[in-house]
Amino acid sequence: MVNKEQEMFMEAALAEARKAYGRGEVPIGAVLVKEGHIISRGHNLRETEQDPTAHAEIIALRRGANSLGTWRLSGTTIYVTIEPCPMCAGALVLARVDHLVYGAPDPKGGGVDSHYHIGRDGFMNHTFTVTRGVLAEECGQLLRDFFRHRRS
């Protein structure tokens, strides 16, 4: 069940995604939350930084670890506009994130629900809970608009 707090944090992730869009990056955004406060933000920067790992989630995790002074991000929830890829889902496990909230599914490359169940399958040393579909239409539409604009 989606609540107002989840929608508020997903709006913040969407604001990050819009920053990526404005830079010509694939518009995916993320915010990392602890105890009801955003501790870090990230959006895709792969083209800008010419870094294949510069996904929104990775950037938010790095900044969150710097902010908290530890790589162990227990007690945090990450909000991401699109279902994380396998790399990012693995990073959520390694960072010990407690909960993932995402907007739209990624049927081509999703690593949490669409193709794999990273972080939920019990094969790794940590698991996280998942809430899916928060502002899914808005999150998916931003991505569709981006690719429609690029093709035209």
N, C-alpha and C. Protein backbone atom coordinates (compact mmCIF):
# COMPACT_ATOMS: atom_id res chain seq x y z
N MET A 1 0.84 -1.19 0.00
CA MET A 1 0.00 0.00 0.00
C MET A 1 0.89 1.25 0.00
N VAL A 2 0.68 2.11 -0.95
CA VAL A 2 1.45 3.34 -1.09
C VAL A 2 0.90 4.38 -0.13
N ASN A 3 1.81 5.13 0.50
CA ASN A 3 1.37 6.20 1.40
C ASN A 3 1.93 7.54 0.95
N LYS A 4 1.48 8.59 1.59
CA LYS A 4 1.87 9.96 1.21
C LYS A 4 3.36 10.19 1.37
N GLU A 5 3.97 9.62 2.41
CA GLU A 5 5.41 9.79 2.61
C GLU A 5 6.18 9.17 1.45
N GLN A 6 5.77 7.98 1.00
CA GLN A 6 6.43 7.34 -0.13
C GLN A 6 6.28 8.19 -1.39
N GLU A 7 5.12 8.75 -1.59
CA GLU A 7 4.91 9.61 -2.76
C GLU A 7 5.79 10.86 -2.68
N MET A 8 5.92 11.44 -1.49
CA MET A 8 6.76 12.62 -1.31
C MET A 8 8.22 12.32 -1.66
N PHE A 9 8.74 11.21 -1.17
CA PHE A 9 10.13 10.87 -1.46
C PHE A 9 10.31 10.47 -2.93
N MET A 10 9.30 9.84 -3.52
CA MET A 10 9.40 9.51 -4.94
C MET A 10 9.37 10.78 -5.78
N GLU A 11 8.62 11.78 -5.35
CA GLU A 11 8.65 13.09 -6.05
C GLU A 11 10.07 13.66 -6.03
N ALA A 12 10.77 13.50 -4.92
CA ALA A 12 12.16 13.96 -4.84
C ALA A 12 13.04 13.18 -5.81
N ALA A 13 12.80 11.87 -5.92
CA ALA A 13 13.55 11.06 -6.89
C ALA A 13 13.22 11.50 -8.32
N LEU A 14 11.96 11.81 -8.58
CA LEU A 14 11.57 12.32 -9.90
C LEU A 14 12.26 13.65 -10.22
N ALA A 15 12.42 14.50 -9.22
CA ALA A 15 13.13 15.76 -9.44
C ALA A 15 14.57 15.48 -9.86
N GLU A 16 15.19 14.46 -9.27
CA GLU A 16 16.54 14.06 -9.67
C GLU A 16 16.53 13.54 -11.10
N ALA A 17 15.53 12.74 -11.43
CA ALA A 17 15.43 12.20 -12.79
C ALA A 17 15.29 13.33 -13.81
N ARG A 18 14.55 14.35 -13.46
CA ARG A 18 14.39 15.50 -14.37
C ARG A 18 15.72 16.22 -14.57
N LYS A 19 16.57 16.26 -13.55
CA LYS A 19 17.91 16.84 -13.71
C LYS A 19 18.71 16.05 -14.73
N ALA A 20 18.61 14.73 -14.64
CA ALA A 20 19.30 13.88 -15.61
C ALA A 20 18.79 14.16 -17.01
N TYR A 21 17.47 14.23 -17.16
CA TYR A 21 16.85 14.52 -18.46
C TYR A 21 17.42 15.81 -19.04
N GLY A 22 17.51 16.84 -18.20
CA GLY A 22 18.01 18.14 -18.64
C GLY A 22 19.46 18.10 -19.10
N ARG A 23 20.20 17.11 -18.65
CA ARG A 23 21.61 16.96 -19.04
C ARG A 23 21.77 15.99 -20.21
N GLY A 24 20.65 15.47 -20.73
CA GLY A 24 20.72 14.50 -21.81
C GLY A 24 21.02 13.09 -21.33
N GLU A 25 20.88 12.87 -20.04
CA GLU A 25 21.11 11.55 -19.45
C GLU A 25 19.78 10.80 -19.38
N VAL A 26 19.84 9.48 -19.36
CA VAL A 26 18.62 8.69 -19.17
C VAL A 26 18.02 9.12 -17.82
N PRO A 27 16.76 9.54 -17.81
CA PRO A 27 16.18 10.18 -16.62
C PRO A 27 15.76 9.19 -15.52
N ILE A 28 16.73 8.83 -14.73
CA ILE A 28 16.49 8.01 -13.55
C ILE A 28 17.05 8.76 -12.36
N GLY A 29 16.26 8.81 -11.29
CA GLY A 29 16.67 9.51 -10.08
C GLY A 29 16.50 8.64 -8.86
N ALA A 30 17.25 8.98 -7.82
CA ALA A 30 17.19 8.22 -6.57
C ALA A 30 17.42 9.15 -5.39
N VAL A 31 16.76 8.84 -4.28
CA VAL A 31 17.05 9.49 -3.01
C VAL A 31 17.17 8.42 -1.94
N LEU A 32 18.10 8.63 -1.02
CA LEU A 32 18.33 7.72 0.09
C LEU A 32 17.80 8.39 1.35
N VAL A 33 16.97 7.67 2.09
CA VAL A 33 16.26 8.23 3.24
C VAL A 33 16.62 7.44 4.50
N LYS A 34 16.85 8.17 5.57
CA LYS A 34 17.06 7.55 6.89
C LYS A 34 16.27 8.37 7.90
N GLU A 35 15.51 7.68 8.71
CA GLU A 35 14.71 8.30 9.77
C GLU A 35 13.88 9.47 9.27
N GLY A 36 13.29 9.28 8.09
CA GLY A 36 12.38 10.28 7.54
C GLY A 36 13.02 11.48 6.88
N HIS A 37 14.36 11.44 6.69
CA HIS A 37 15.07 12.56 6.08
C HIS A 37 15.91 12.07 4.90
N ILE A 38 15.93 12.87 3.84
CA ILE A 38 16.78 12.54 2.70
C ILE A 38 18.22 12.83 3.10
N ILE A 39 19.06 11.79 2.99
CA ILE A 39 20.48 11.98 3.33
C ILE A 39 21.35 12.10 2.09
N SER A 40 20.83 11.67 0.93
CA SER A 40 21.58 11.85 -0.31
C SER A 40 20.65 11.72 -1.50
N ARG A 41 21.13 12.23 -2.62
CA ARG A 41 20.38 12.23 -3.87
C ARG A 41 21.33 11.83 -5.00
N GLY A 42 20.75 11.30 -6.06
CA GLY A 42 21.56 10.98 -7.23
C GLY A 42 20.70 10.88 -8.47
N HIS A 43 21.31 11.13 -9.60
CA HIS A 43 20.67 10.90 -10.88
C HIS A 43 21.73 10.39 -11.85
N ASN A 44 21.27 9.77 -12.92
CA ASN A 44 22.21 9.18 -13.87
C ASN A 44 23.20 10.21 -14.38
N LEU A 45 24.47 9.82 -14.44
CA LEU A 45 25.54 10.67 -14.94
C LEU A 45 26.51 9.88 -15.82
N ARG A 46 26.06 8.80 -16.41
CA ARG A 46 26.96 7.95 -17.20
C ARG A 46 27.60 8.71 -18.36
N GLU A 47 26.81 9.47 -19.09
CA GLU A 47 27.35 10.21 -20.23
C GLU A 47 28.23 11.36 -19.76
N THR A 48 27.77 12.08 -18.76
CA THR A 48 28.51 13.23 -18.25
C THR A 48 29.88 12.82 -17.73
N GLU A 49 29.92 11.74 -16.96
CA GLU A 49 31.16 11.30 -16.34
C GLU A 49 31.89 10.22 -17.14
N GLN A 50 31.26 9.76 -18.23
CA GLN A 50 31.80 8.65 -19.01
C GLN A 50 32.19 7.50 -18.09
N ASP A 51 31.24 7.15 -17.23
CA ASP A 51 31.43 6.12 -16.21
C ASP A 51 30.25 5.16 -16.28
N PRO A 52 30.49 3.90 -16.63
CA PRO A 52 29.38 2.96 -16.75
C PRO A 52 28.68 2.66 -15.43
N THR A 53 29.31 2.99 -14.31
CA THR A 53 28.69 2.74 -13.01
C THR A 53 27.98 3.96 -12.44
N ALA A 54 27.93 5.06 -13.16
CA ALA A 54 27.35 6.31 -12.64
C ALA A 54 25.82 6.29 -12.76
N HIS A 55 25.22 5.25 -12.21
CA HIS A 55 23.76 5.15 -12.14
C HIS A 55 23.26 5.94 -10.94
N ALA A 56 22.02 6.36 -10.99
CA ALA A 56 21.43 7.16 -9.91
C ALA A 56 21.59 6.50 -8.55
N GLU A 57 21.32 5.19 -8.49
CA GLU A 57 21.40 4.47 -7.22
C GLU A 57 22.82 4.46 -6.66
N ILE A 58 23.80 4.20 -7.51
CA ILE A 58 25.19 4.13 -7.08
C ILE A 58 25.63 5.49 -6.54
N ILE A 59 25.26 6.54 -7.24
CA ILE A 59 25.63 7.89 -6.79
C ILE A 59 24.98 8.19 -5.44
N ALA A 60 23.69 7.88 -5.30
CA ALA A 60 23.01 8.11 -4.02
C ALA A 60 23.65 7.29 -2.89
N LEU A 61 24.01 6.05 -3.18
CA LEU A 61 24.66 5.21 -2.16
C LEU A 61 26.02 5.78 -1.75
N ARG A 62 26.82 6.18 -2.73
CA ARG A 62 28.14 6.75 -2.42
C ARG A 62 28.00 8.01 -1.56
N ARG A 63 27.10 8.87 -1.97
CA ARG A 63 26.91 10.12 -1.21
C ARG A 63 26.34 9.83 0.17
N GLY A 64 25.45 8.86 0.27
CA GLY A 64 24.89 8.49 1.57
C GLY A 64 25.95 7.93 2.50
N ALA A 65 26.82 7.09 1.96
CA ALA A 65 27.92 6.53 2.77
C ALA A 65 28.84 7.64 3.25
N ASN A 66 29.13 8.59 2.37
CA ASN A 66 29.97 9.74 2.77
C ASN A 66 29.28 10.56 3.85
N SER A 67 27.99 10.78 3.69
CA SER A 67 27.23 11.58 4.65
C SER A 67 27.19 10.92 6.03
N LEU A 68 27.00 9.60 6.06
CA LEU A 68 26.90 8.89 7.33
C LEU A 68 28.25 8.45 7.87
N GLY A 69 29.28 8.49 7.03
CA GLY A 69 30.60 8.06 7.47
C GLY A 69 30.75 6.56 7.58
N THR A 70 29.91 5.82 6.85
CA THR A 70 29.98 4.36 6.85
C THR A 70 29.37 3.82 5.57
N TRP A 71 29.93 2.70 5.09
CA TRP A 71 29.35 2.06 3.92
C TRP A 71 28.14 1.22 4.28
N ARG A 72 27.98 0.92 5.56
CA ARG A 72 26.83 0.13 6.01
C ARG A 72 25.62 1.05 6.15
N LEU A 73 24.72 0.94 5.22
CA LEU A 73 23.57 1.86 5.18
C LEU A 73 22.32 1.23 5.78
N SER A 74 22.51 0.44 6.83
CA SER A 74 21.38 -0.16 7.54
C SER A 74 20.45 0.94 8.03
N GLY A 75 19.17 0.64 8.02
CA GLY A 75 18.19 1.62 8.47
C GLY A 75 17.77 2.61 7.41
N THR A 76 18.21 2.38 6.16
CA THR A 76 17.86 3.31 5.09
C THR A 76 16.86 2.70 4.12
N THR A 77 16.18 3.59 3.42
CA THR A 77 15.29 3.24 2.32
C THR A 77 15.75 4.03 1.12
N ILE A 78 15.84 3.38 -0.03
CA ILE A 78 16.17 4.09 -1.26
C ILE A 78 14.94 4.13 -2.15
N TYR A 79 14.68 5.30 -2.69
CA TYR A 79 13.58 5.53 -3.63
C TYR A 79 14.20 5.74 -5.00
N VAL A 80 13.75 4.95 -5.99
CA VAL A 80 14.30 5.01 -7.33
C VAL A 80 13.13 5.06 -8.31
N THR A 81 13.26 5.87 -9.33
CA THR A 81 12.15 6.05 -10.26
C THR A 81 11.89 4.81 -11.11
N ILE A 82 12.92 4.01 -11.37
CA ILE A 82 12.80 2.81 -12.21
C ILE A 82 13.41 1.63 -11.45
N GLU A 83 12.86 0.46 -11.64
CA GLU A 83 13.40 -0.76 -11.02
C GLU A 83 14.91 -0.85 -11.26
N PRO A 84 15.69 -1.05 -10.21
CA PRO A 84 17.15 -1.12 -10.37
C PRO A 84 17.62 -2.27 -11.26
N CYS A 85 18.72 -2.02 -11.95
CA CYS A 85 19.37 -3.04 -12.76
C CYS A 85 20.09 -4.03 -11.83
N PRO A 86 20.61 -5.12 -12.36
CA PRO A 86 21.32 -6.07 -11.50
C PRO A 86 22.51 -5.47 -10.75
N MET A 87 23.27 -4.58 -11.39
CA MET A 87 24.41 -3.96 -10.71
C MET A 87 23.94 -3.16 -9.51
N CYS A 88 22.92 -2.34 -9.71
CA CYS A 88 22.43 -1.48 -8.63
C CYS A 88 21.75 -2.30 -7.54
N ALA A 89 21.00 -3.33 -7.92
CA ALA A 89 20.38 -4.19 -6.92
C ALA A 89 21.45 -4.86 -6.07
N GLY A 90 22.53 -5.31 -6.70
CA GLY A 90 23.65 -5.89 -5.95
C GLY A 90 24.28 -4.88 -5.02
N ALA A 91 24.40 -3.65 -5.46
CA ALA A 91 24.96 -2.60 -4.60
C ALA A 91 24.06 -2.33 -3.39
N LEU A 92 22.75 -2.41 -3.57
CA LEU A 92 21.83 -2.24 -2.44
C LEU A 92 22.06 -3.33 -1.40
N VAL A 93 22.29 -4.56 -1.87
CA VAL A 93 22.60 -5.67 -0.96
C VAL A 93 23.90 -5.38 -0.22
N LEU A 94 24.94 -5.04 -0.96
CA LEU A 94 26.26 -4.82 -0.36
C LEU A 94 26.26 -3.66 0.62
N ALA A 95 25.43 -2.65 0.37
CA ALA A 95 25.34 -1.49 1.25
C ALA A 95 24.43 -1.73 2.45
N ARG A 96 23.74 -2.86 2.47
CA ARG A 96 22.85 -3.22 3.57
C ARG A 96 21.62 -2.31 3.69
N VAL A 97 21.16 -1.81 2.54
CA VAL A 97 19.93 -1.01 2.51
C VAL A 97 18.78 -1.90 2.97
N ASP A 98 17.88 -1.35 3.79
CA ASP A 98 16.77 -2.14 4.33
C ASP A 98 15.58 -2.26 3.39
N HIS A 99 15.32 -1.19 2.63
CA HIS A 99 14.08 -1.16 1.86
C HIS A 99 14.30 -0.42 0.56
N LEU A 100 13.73 -0.95 -0.51
CA LEU A 100 13.73 -0.33 -1.83
C LEU A 100 12.31 0.03 -2.19
N VAL A 101 12.12 1.26 -2.66
CA VAL A 101 10.84 1.69 -3.21
C VAL A 101 11.13 2.15 -4.63
N TYR A 102 10.44 1.57 -5.60
CA TYR A 102 10.66 2.04 -6.97
C TYR A 102 9.34 2.34 -7.65
N GLY A 103 9.45 3.16 -8.70
CA GLY A 103 8.27 3.58 -9.44
C GLY A 103 7.88 2.57 -10.50
N ALA A 104 8.48 2.69 -11.68
CA ALA A 104 8.11 1.85 -12.82
C ALA A 104 9.01 0.62 -12.93
N PRO A 105 8.46 -0.47 -13.40
CA PRO A 105 9.29 -1.66 -13.64
C PRO A 105 10.20 -1.43 -14.84
N ASP A 106 11.25 -2.23 -14.93
CA ASP A 106 12.14 -2.20 -16.09
C ASP A 106 12.12 -3.58 -16.74
N PRO A 107 11.18 -3.80 -17.67
CA PRO A 107 11.03 -5.13 -18.25
C PRO A 107 12.24 -5.60 -19.05
N LYS A 108 13.10 -4.68 -19.48
CA LYS A 108 14.29 -5.07 -20.25
C LYS A 108 15.48 -5.38 -19.37
N GLY A 109 15.63 -4.68 -18.25
CA GLY A 109 16.86 -4.84 -17.47
C GLY A 109 16.70 -4.86 -15.97
N GLY A 110 15.48 -5.03 -15.49
CA GLY A 110 15.25 -4.99 -14.05
C GLY A 110 15.90 -6.16 -13.31
N GLY A 111 16.50 -5.84 -12.19
CA GLY A 111 17.21 -6.85 -11.41
C GLY A 111 16.52 -7.25 -10.12
N VAL A 112 15.36 -6.68 -9.84
CA VAL A 112 14.69 -6.95 -8.57
C VAL A 112 13.41 -7.75 -8.76
N ASP A 113 12.68 -7.48 -9.81
CA ASP A 113 11.42 -8.18 -10.08
C ASP A 113 11.32 -8.71 -11.50
N SER A 114 11.73 -7.92 -12.48
CA SER A 114 11.46 -8.25 -13.88
C SER A 114 12.21 -9.48 -14.40
N HIS A 115 13.48 -9.61 -14.04
CA HIS A 115 14.28 -10.74 -14.53
C HIS A 115 14.91 -11.54 -13.40
N TYR A 116 15.37 -10.85 -12.40
CA TYR A 116 16.05 -11.48 -11.27
C TYR A 116 15.33 -11.06 -10.00
N HIS A 117 15.77 -11.60 -8.91
CA HIS A 117 15.19 -11.22 -7.61
C HIS A 117 16.32 -10.89 -6.64
N ILE A 118 17.28 -10.14 -7.14
CA ILE A 118 18.44 -9.76 -6.33
C ILE A 118 17.96 -8.96 -5.12
N GLY A 119 18.44 -9.35 -3.98
CA GLY A 119 18.05 -8.68 -2.74
C GLY A 119 16.83 -9.28 -2.09
N ARG A 120 16.15 -10.15 -2.81
CA ARG A 120 14.93 -10.75 -2.29
C ARG A 120 14.98 -12.28 -2.32
N ASP A 121 15.99 -12.83 -2.99
CA ASP A 121 16.01 -14.28 -3.21
C ASP A 121 16.68 -15.08 -2.11
N GLY A 122 17.34 -14.42 -1.17
CA GLY A 122 17.98 -15.12 -0.07
C GLY A 122 19.32 -15.75 -0.41
N PHE A 123 19.83 -15.55 -1.63
CA PHE A 123 21.11 -16.13 -2.03
C PHE A 123 22.31 -15.32 -1.56
N MET A 124 22.09 -14.11 -1.16
CA MET A 124 23.20 -13.26 -0.73
C MET A 124 23.12 -13.06 0.78
N ASN A 125 24.11 -12.37 1.31
CA ASN A 125 24.21 -12.22 2.76
C ASN A 125 23.27 -11.18 3.36
N HIS A 126 22.50 -10.53 2.55
CA HIS A 126 21.58 -9.49 3.02
C HIS A 126 20.36 -9.49 2.09
N THR A 127 19.22 -9.18 2.62
CA THR A 127 18.01 -9.01 1.82
C THR A 127 17.39 -7.67 2.15
N PHE A 128 16.55 -7.19 1.26
CA PHE A 128 15.80 -5.96 1.51
C PHE A 128 14.36 -6.18 1.09
N THR A 129 13.48 -5.39 1.66
CA THR A 129 12.08 -5.44 1.28
C THR A 129 11.86 -4.48 0.11
N VAL A 130 10.76 -4.70 -0.61
CA VAL A 130 10.50 -3.92 -1.82
C VAL A 130 9.06 -3.44 -1.84
N THR A 131 8.90 -2.17 -2.19
CA THR A 131 7.60 -1.60 -2.52
C THR A 131 7.70 -1.13 -3.96
N ARG A 132 6.81 -1.58 -4.79
CA ARG A 132 6.87 -1.24 -6.21
C ARG A 132 5.64 -0.43 -6.62
N GLY A 133 5.79 0.35 -7.69
CA GLY A 133 4.64 1.03 -8.27
C GLY A 133 4.31 2.40 -7.70
N VAL A 134 5.19 2.98 -6.90
CA VAL A 134 4.92 4.31 -6.35
C VAL A 134 5.13 5.35 -7.45
N LEU A 135 4.07 6.05 -7.79
CA LEU A 135 4.07 7.03 -8.89
C LEU A 135 4.59 6.40 -10.18
N ALA A 136 4.21 5.15 -10.41
CA ALA A 136 4.71 4.39 -11.56
C ALA A 136 4.44 5.07 -12.89
N GLU A 137 3.26 5.62 -13.06
CA GLU A 137 2.91 6.25 -14.34
C GLU A 137 3.82 7.44 -14.62
N GLU A 138 4.01 8.31 -13.63
CA GLU A 138 4.87 9.48 -13.81
C GLU A 138 6.31 9.07 -14.10
N CYS A 139 6.80 8.08 -13.35
CA CYS A 139 8.18 7.62 -13.54
C CYS A 139 8.37 7.02 -14.92
N GLY A 140 7.46 6.18 -15.34
CA GLY A 140 7.56 5.55 -16.65
C GLY A 140 7.38 6.55 -17.78
N GLN A 141 6.48 7.51 -17.60
CA GLN A 141 6.23 8.50 -18.65
C GLN A 141 7.45 9.36 -18.92
N LEU A 142 8.17 9.73 -17.87
CA LEU A 142 9.38 10.54 -18.04
C LEU A 142 10.40 9.78 -18.91
N LEU A 143 10.55 8.52 -18.65
CA LEU A 143 11.47 7.70 -19.44
C LEU A 143 10.99 7.55 -20.89
N ARG A 144 9.70 7.30 -21.07
CA ARG A 144 9.15 7.19 -22.43
C ARG A 144 9.32 8.51 -23.20
N ASP A 145 9.06 9.63 -22.55
CA ASP A 145 9.22 10.94 -23.20
C ASP A 145 10.67 11.16 -23.63
N PHE A 146 11.60 10.80 -22.76
CA PHE A 146 13.02 10.97 -23.05
C PHE A 146 13.40 10.21 -24.32
N PHE A 147 13.02 8.94 -24.39
CA PHE A 147 13.41 8.13 -25.55
C PHE A 147 12.63 8.53 -26.79
N ARG A 148 11.40 8.96 -26.66
CA ARG A 148 10.65 9.45 -27.81
C ARG A 148 11.32 10.71 -28.37
N HIS A 149 11.76 11.59 -27.49
CA HIS A 149 12.45 12.82 -27.90
C HIS A 149 13.78 12.49 -28.58
N ARG A 150 14.51 11.53 -28.06
CA ARG A 150 15.79 11.15 -28.66
C ARG A 150 15.64 10.55 -30.04
N ARG A 151 14.56 9.81 -30.26
CA ARG A 151 14.34 9.17 -31.55
C ARG A 151 13.88 10.15 -32.61
N SER A 152 13.29 11.27 -32.18
CA SER A 152 12.76 12.22 -33.18
C SER A 152 13.81 13.20 -33.68
